[in-house]
PDB file of N, CA and C in Angstrom:
ATOM      1  N   MET A   1     104.195  73.489  87.371  1.00  0.00           N
ATOM      2  CA  MET A   1     105.465  74.121  87.671  1.00  0.00           C
ATOM      3  C   MET A   1     105.189  75.094  88.982  1.00  0.00           C
ATOM      4  N   ALA A   2     106.069  74.661  90.080  1.00  0.00           N
ATOM      5  CA  ALA A   2     105.969  75.007  91.352  1.00  0.00           C
ATOM      6  C   ALA A   2     106.256  76.731  91.387  1.00  0.00           C
ATOM      7  N   ILE A   3     105.320  77.021  92.165  1.00  0.00           N
ATOM      8  CA  ILE A   3     105.832  78.787  92.572  1.00  0.00           C
ATOM      9  C   ILE A   3     106.820  78.926  93.427  1.00  0.00           C
ATOM     10  N   ARG A   4     107.614  79.870  93.195  1.00  0.00           N
ATOM     11  CA  ARG A   4     108.567  80.050  94.157  1.00  0.00           C
ATOM     12  C   ARG A   4     108.215  81.102  95.451  1.00  0.00           C
ATOM     13  N   ALA A   5     108.836  80.467  96.516  1.00  0.00           N
ATOM     14  CA  ALA A   5     108.375  81.239  97.709  1.00  0.00           C
ATOM     15  C   ALA A   5     108.824  82.630  97.657  1.00  0.00           C
ATOM     16  N   ARG A   6     108.000  83.296  98.413  1.00  0.00           N
ATOM     17  CA  ARG A   6     108.034  85.017  98.313  1.00  0.00           C
ATOM     18  C   ARG A   6     109.409  85.390  99.231  1.00  0.00           C
ATOM     19  N   GLU A   7     110.287  86.336  98.724  1.00  0.00           N
ATOM     20  CA  GLU A   7     111.351  86.771  99.458  1.00  0.00           C
ATOM     21  C   GLU A   7     110.722  87.943 100.376  1.00  0.00           C
ATOM     22  N   ASN A   8     111.574  88.060 101.455  1.00  0.00           N
ATOM     23  CA  ASN A   8     111.364  88.621 102.417  1.00  0.00           C
ATOM     24  C   ASN A   8     111.639  90.229 102.084  1.00  0.00           C
ATOM     25  N   CYS A   9     110.861  91.307 102.201  1.00  0.00           N
ATOM     26  CA  CYS A   9     111.252  92.536 101.677  1.00  0.00           C
ATOM     27  C   CYS A   9     112.161  93.375 102.863  1.00  0.00           C
ATOM     28  N   ALA A  10     113.125  93.922 102.751  1.00  0.00           N
ATOM     29  CA  ALA A  10     114.006  94.533 103.363  1.00  0.00           C
ATOM     30  C   ALA A  10     113.431  95.614 104.413  1.00  0.00           C
ATOM     31  N   SER A  11     112.302  96.355 103.598  1.00  0.00           N
ATOM     32  CA  SER A  11     111.861  97.394 104.147  1.00  0.00           C
ATOM     33  C   SER A  11     110.590  96.695 105.131  1.00  0.00           C
ATOM     34  N   GLY A  12     110.277  95.679 104.902  1.00  0.00           N
ATOM     35  CA  GLY A  12     108.850  94.837 105.701  1.00  0.00           C
ATOM     36  C   GLY A  12     107.827  95.569 105.162  1.00  0.00           C
ATOM     37  N   MET A  13     107.602  96.210 103.836  1.00  0.00           N
ATOM     38  CA  MET A  13     106.187  97.049 103.606  1.00  0.00           C
ATOM     39  C   MET A  13     106.029  95.816 102.059  1.00  0.00           C
ATOM     40  N   TYR A  14     104.843  95.551 102.001  1.00  0.00           N
ATOM     41  CA  TYR A  14     104.330  94.674 100.870  1.00  0.00           C
ATOM     42  C   TYR A  14     103.332  95.566 100.330  1.00  0.00           C
ATOM     43  N   HIS A  15     102.979  95.312  99.046  1.00  0.00           N
ATOM     44  CA  HIS A  15     101.964  95.833  98.320  1.00  0.00           C
ATOM     45  C   HIS A  15     100.970  94.713  98.105  1.00  0.00           C
ATOM     46  N   ILE A  16      99.581  94.603  98.591  1.00  0.00           N
ATOM     47  CA  ILE A  16      98.891  93.791  98.477  1.00  0.00           C
ATOM     48  C   ILE A  16      97.636  94.144  97.768  1.00  0.00           C
ATOM     49  N   VAL A  17      97.313  93.344  96.411  1.00  0.00           N
ATOM     50  CA  VAL A  17      96.453  93.689  95.617  1.00  0.00           C
ATOM     51  C   VAL A  17      94.949  92.503  95.626  1.00  0.00           C
ATOM     52  N   MET A  18      94.047  93.068  95.891  1.00  0.00           N
ATOM     53  CA  MET A  18      92.772  92.122  95.764  1.00  0.00           C
ATOM     54  C   MET A  18      92.103  92.018  94.485  1.00  0.00           C
ATOM     55  N   ARG A  19      92.001  91.079  93.738  1.00  0.00           N
ATOM     56  CA  ARG A  19      91.345  91.189  92.449  1.00  0.00           C
ATOM     57  C   ARG A  19      90.080  90.109  92.397  1.00  0.00           C
ATOM     58  N   GLU A  20      89.354  90.444  91.662  1.00  0.00           N
ATOM     59  CA  GLU A  20      88.171  89.538  91.255  1.00  0.00           C
ATOM     60  C   GLU A  20      88.822  88.381  90.340  1.00  0.00           C
ATOM     61  N   ILE A  21      88.173  87.327  90.229  1.00  0.00           N
ATOM     62  CA  ILE A  21      88.217  86.341  89.335  1.00  0.00           C
ATOM     63  C   ILE A  21      87.087  86.249  88.573  1.00  0.00           C
ATOM     64  N   ASN A  22      87.194  86.073  87.191  1.00  0.00           N
ATOM     65  CA  ASN A  22      86.238  86.003  86.295  1.00  0.00           C
ATOM     66  C   ASN A  22      85.136  87.060  86.306  1.00  0.00           C
ATOM     67  N   ARG A  23      85.928  88.314  86.618  1.00  0.00           N
ATOM     68  CA  ARG A  23      84.802  89.542  86.991  1.00  0.00           C
ATOM     69  C   ARG A  23      83.804  89.308  87.824  1.00  0.00           C
ATOM     70  N   GLN A  24      83.952  88.646  89.081  1.00  0.00           N
ATOM     71  CA  GLN A  24      83.131  88.434  90.063  1.00  0.00           C
ATOM     72  C   GLN A  24      83.342  89.432  90.998  1.00  0.00           C
ATOM     73  N   ASN A  25      82.334  90.097  91.444  1.00  0.00           N
ATOM     74  CA  ASN A  25      82.907  91.180  92.986  1.00  0.00           C
ATOM     75  C   ASN A  25      83.517  90.263  94.062  1.00  0.00           C
ATOM     76  N   ILE A  26      84.140  90.998  94.590  1.00  0.00           N
ATOM     77  CA  ILE A  26      84.960  90.781  95.685  1.00  0.00           C
ATOM     78  C   ILE A  26      84.250  90.709  96.796  1.00  0.00           C
ATOM     79  N   PHE A  27      83.360  91.856  97.111  1.00  0.00           N
ATOM     80  CA  PHE A  27      82.189  91.940  98.209  1.00  0.00           C
ATOM     81  C   PHE A  27      80.695  92.095  97.808  1.00  0.00           C
ATOM     82  N   TYR A  28      80.130  91.169  98.646  1.00  0.00           N
ATOM     83  CA  TYR A  28      78.703  90.872  98.019  1.00  0.00           C
ATOM     84  C   TYR A  28      77.924  92.328  98.155  1.00  0.00           C
ATOM     85  N   ASP A  29      78.175  93.280  98.781  1.00  0.00           N
ATOM     86  CA  ASP A  29      77.344  94.385  98.970  1.00  0.00           C
ATOM     87  C   ASP A  29      78.124  95.468  99.858  1.00  0.00           C
ATOM     88  N   LYS A  30      77.810  96.582 100.054  1.00  0.00           N
ATOM     89  CA  LYS A  30      78.266  97.479 100.781  1.00  0.00           C
ATOM     90  C   LYS A  30      78.615  97.182 102.291  1.00  0.00           C
ATOM     91  N   ASP A  31      77.735  96.406 102.960  1.00  0.00           N
ATOM     92  CA  ASP A  31      77.865  95.757 104.299  1.00  0.00           C
ATOM     93  C   ASP A  31      79.106  94.921 104.299  1.00  0.00           C
ATOM     94  N   ASP A  32      79.265  94.307 103.360  1.00  0.00           N
ATOM     95  CA  ASP A  32      80.623  93.300 103.254  1.00  0.00           C
ATOM     96  C   ASP A  32      81.704  94.089 103.229  1.00  0.00           C
ATOM     97  N   SER A  33      81.660  94.909 102.171  1.00  0.00           N
ATOM     98  CA  SER A  33      82.564  95.887 101.951  1.00  0.00           C
ATOM     99  C   SER A  33      83.278  96.739 103.310  1.00  0.00           C
ATOM    100  N   GLN A  34      81.961  97.151 103.958  1.00  0.00           N
ATOM    101  CA  GLN A  34      82.468  97.871 105.223  1.00  0.00           C
ATOM    102  C   GLN A  34      82.857  97.026 106.282  1.00  0.00           C
ATOM    103  N   HIS A  35      82.736  95.692 106.651  1.00  0.00           N
ATOM    104  CA  HIS A  35      82.728  94.952 107.323  1.00  0.00           C
ATOM    105  C   HIS A  35      84.492  94.365 107.123  1.00  0.00           C
ATOM    106  N   PHE A  36      84.918  94.360 105.796  1.00  0.00           N
ATOM    107  CA  PHE A  36      86.286  94.223 105.439  1.00  0.00           C
ATOM    108  C   PHE A  36      87.164  95.396 105.969  1.00  0.00           C
ATOM    109  N   LEU A  37      86.844  96.680 105.793  1.00  0.00           N
ATOM    110  CA  LEU A  37      87.514  97.970 106.198  1.00  0.00           C
ATOM    111  C   LEU A  37      87.417  97.981 107.690  1.00  0.00           C
ATOM    112  N   GLU A  38      86.481  97.795 108.208  1.00  0.00           N
ATOM    113  CA  GLU A  38      86.593  97.320 109.865  1.00  0.00           C
ATOM    114  C   GLU A  38      87.293  96.546 110.326  1.00  0.00           C
ATOM    115  N   THR A  39      87.663  95.483 109.946  1.00  0.00           N
ATOM    116  CA  THR A  39      88.510  94.383 110.198  1.00  0.00           C
ATOM    117  C   THR A  39      90.047  94.883 110.036  1.00  0.00           C
ATOM    118  N   ILE A  40      90.058  95.622 108.913  1.00  0.00           N
ATOM    119  CA  ILE A  40      91.378  96.360 108.703  1.00  0.00           C
ATOM    120  C   ILE A  40      91.835  97.354 109.678  1.00  0.00           C
ATOM    121  N   GLU A  41      90.824  98.216 110.056  1.00  0.00           N
ATOM    122  CA  GLU A  41      90.831  99.290 110.863  1.00  0.00           C
ATOM    123  C   GLU A  41      91.488  98.639 112.395  1.00  0.00           C
ATOM    124  N   CYS A  42      90.689  97.574 112.697  1.00  0.00           N
ATOM    125  CA  CYS A  42      91.053  96.900 114.165  1.00  0.00           C
ATOM    126  C   CYS A  42      92.439  96.256 114.026  1.00  0.00           C
ATOM    127  N   MET A  43      92.939  95.690 112.838  1.00  0.00           N
ATOM    128  CA  MET A  43      94.259  95.235 112.650  1.00  0.00           C
ATOM    129  C   MET A  43      95.156  96.326 112.802  1.00  0.00           C
ATOM    130  N   LYS A  44      94.871  97.435 112.133  1.00  0.00           N
ATOM    131  CA  LYS A  44      95.659  98.550 112.349  1.00  0.00           C
ATOM    132  C   LYS A  44      95.916  99.083 113.572  1.00  0.00           C
ATOM    133  N   ARG A  45      95.100  99.028 114.575  1.00  0.00           N
ATOM    134  CA  ARG A  45      95.237  99.355 115.970  1.00  0.00           C
ATOM    135  C   ARG A  45      95.958  98.453 116.680  1.00  0.00           C
ATOM    136  N   GLU A  46      95.882  97.356 116.169  1.00  0.00           N
ATOM    137  CA  GLU A  46      96.714  96.122 117.020  1.00  0.00           C
ATOM    138  C   GLU A  46      98.123  96.156 116.263  1.00  0.00           C
ATOM    139  N   ASN A  47      98.347  96.501 115.105  1.00  0.00           N
ATOM    140  CA  ASN A  47      99.735  96.739 114.592  1.00  0.00           C
ATOM    141  C   ASN A  47      99.957  97.869 113.676  1.00  0.00           C
ATOM    142  N   ASN A  48     100.782  98.541 114.023  1.00  0.00           N
ATOM    143  CA  ASN A  48     100.814 100.110 113.242  1.00  0.00           C
ATOM    144  C   ASN A  48     101.544  99.931 112.130  1.00  0.00           C
ATOM    145  N   ASP A  49     101.884  98.683 111.451  1.00  0.00           N
ATOM    146  CA  ASP A  49     102.461  98.411 110.519  1.00  0.00           C
ATOM    147  C   ASP A  49     101.590  98.283 109.084  1.00  0.00           C
ATOM    148  N   ILE A  50     100.440  98.471 109.386  1.00  0.00           N
ATOM    149  CA  ILE A  50      99.455  98.130 108.139  1.00  0.00           C
ATOM    150  C   ILE A  50      98.979  99.396 107.544  1.00  0.00           C
ATOM    151  N   PHE A  51      99.057  99.747 106.612  1.00  0.00           N
ATOM    152  CA  PHE A  51      98.762 100.962 105.712  1.00  0.00           C
ATOM    153  C   PHE A  51      97.667 100.567 104.850  1.00  0.00           C
ATOM    154  N   LEU A  52      96.310 101.171 104.736  1.00  0.00           N
ATOM    155  CA  LEU A  52      95.388 100.987 103.778  1.00  0.00           C
ATOM    156  C   LEU A  52      95.438 102.354 102.757  1.00  0.00           C
ATOM    157  N   ASP A  53      95.875 102.028 101.682  1.00  0.00           N
ATOM    158  CA  ASP A  53      95.888 103.340 100.751  1.00  0.00           C
ATOM    159  C   ASP A  53      94.398 103.706  99.865  1.00  0.00           C
ATOM    160  N   ASP A  54      93.696 102.451  99.436  1.00  0.00           N
ATOM    161  CA  ASP A  54      92.573 102.694  98.798  1.00  0.00           C
ATOM    162  C   ASP A  54      91.982 101.412  98.361  1.00  0.00           C
ATOM    163  N   THR A  55      90.679 101.712  98.481  1.00  0.00           N
ATOM    164  CA  THR A  55      89.963 100.294  97.945  1.00  0.00           C
ATOM    165  C   THR A  55      88.982 100.836  96.987  1.00  0.00           C
ATOM    166  N   GLN A  56      88.830 100.068  96.037  1.00  0.00           N
ATOM    167  CA  GLN A  56      88.165 100.068  94.672  1.00  0.00           C
ATOM    168  C   GLN A  56      87.101  99.041  94.244  1.00  0.00           C
ATOM    169  N   THR A  57      86.045  99.424  93.855  1.00  0.00           N
ATOM    170  CA  THR A  57      84.941  98.427  93.579  1.00  0.00           C
ATOM    171  C   THR A  57      84.940  98.314  92.005  1.00  0.00           C
ATOM    172  N   ASN A  58      84.273  97.043  91.461  1.00  0.00           N
ATOM    173  CA  ASN A  58      84.177  97.304  90.218  1.00  0.00           C
ATOM    174  C   ASN A  58      83.439  98.350  89.477  1.00  0.00           C
ATOM    175  N   ASN A  59      83.906  98.817  88.641  1.00  0.00           N
ATOM    176  CA  ASN A  59      82.952  99.961  88.086  1.00  0.00           C
ATOM    177  C   ASN A  59      82.723  99.686  86.637  1.00  0.00           C
ATOM    178  N   ARG A  60      81.995  98.478  86.677  1.00  0.00           N
ATOM    179  CA  ARG A  60      81.264  98.203  85.199  1.00  0.00           C
ATOM    180  C   ARG A  60      79.875  98.583  85.281  1.00  0.00           C
TER     181      ARG A  60
END
């Protein structure tokens, strides 16, 4: 079954969720997580339309 294409949101704001697969960690370590956050911060400077509300790690 084909996946439908996403519709553009009128407000232009989208909620993006990153989740692990099979309970595997998304980030290898704190440095990897920090690199991700720094990349997002860089993108925010270039494009003011990016908002980062919260990052959570697996608490198992």
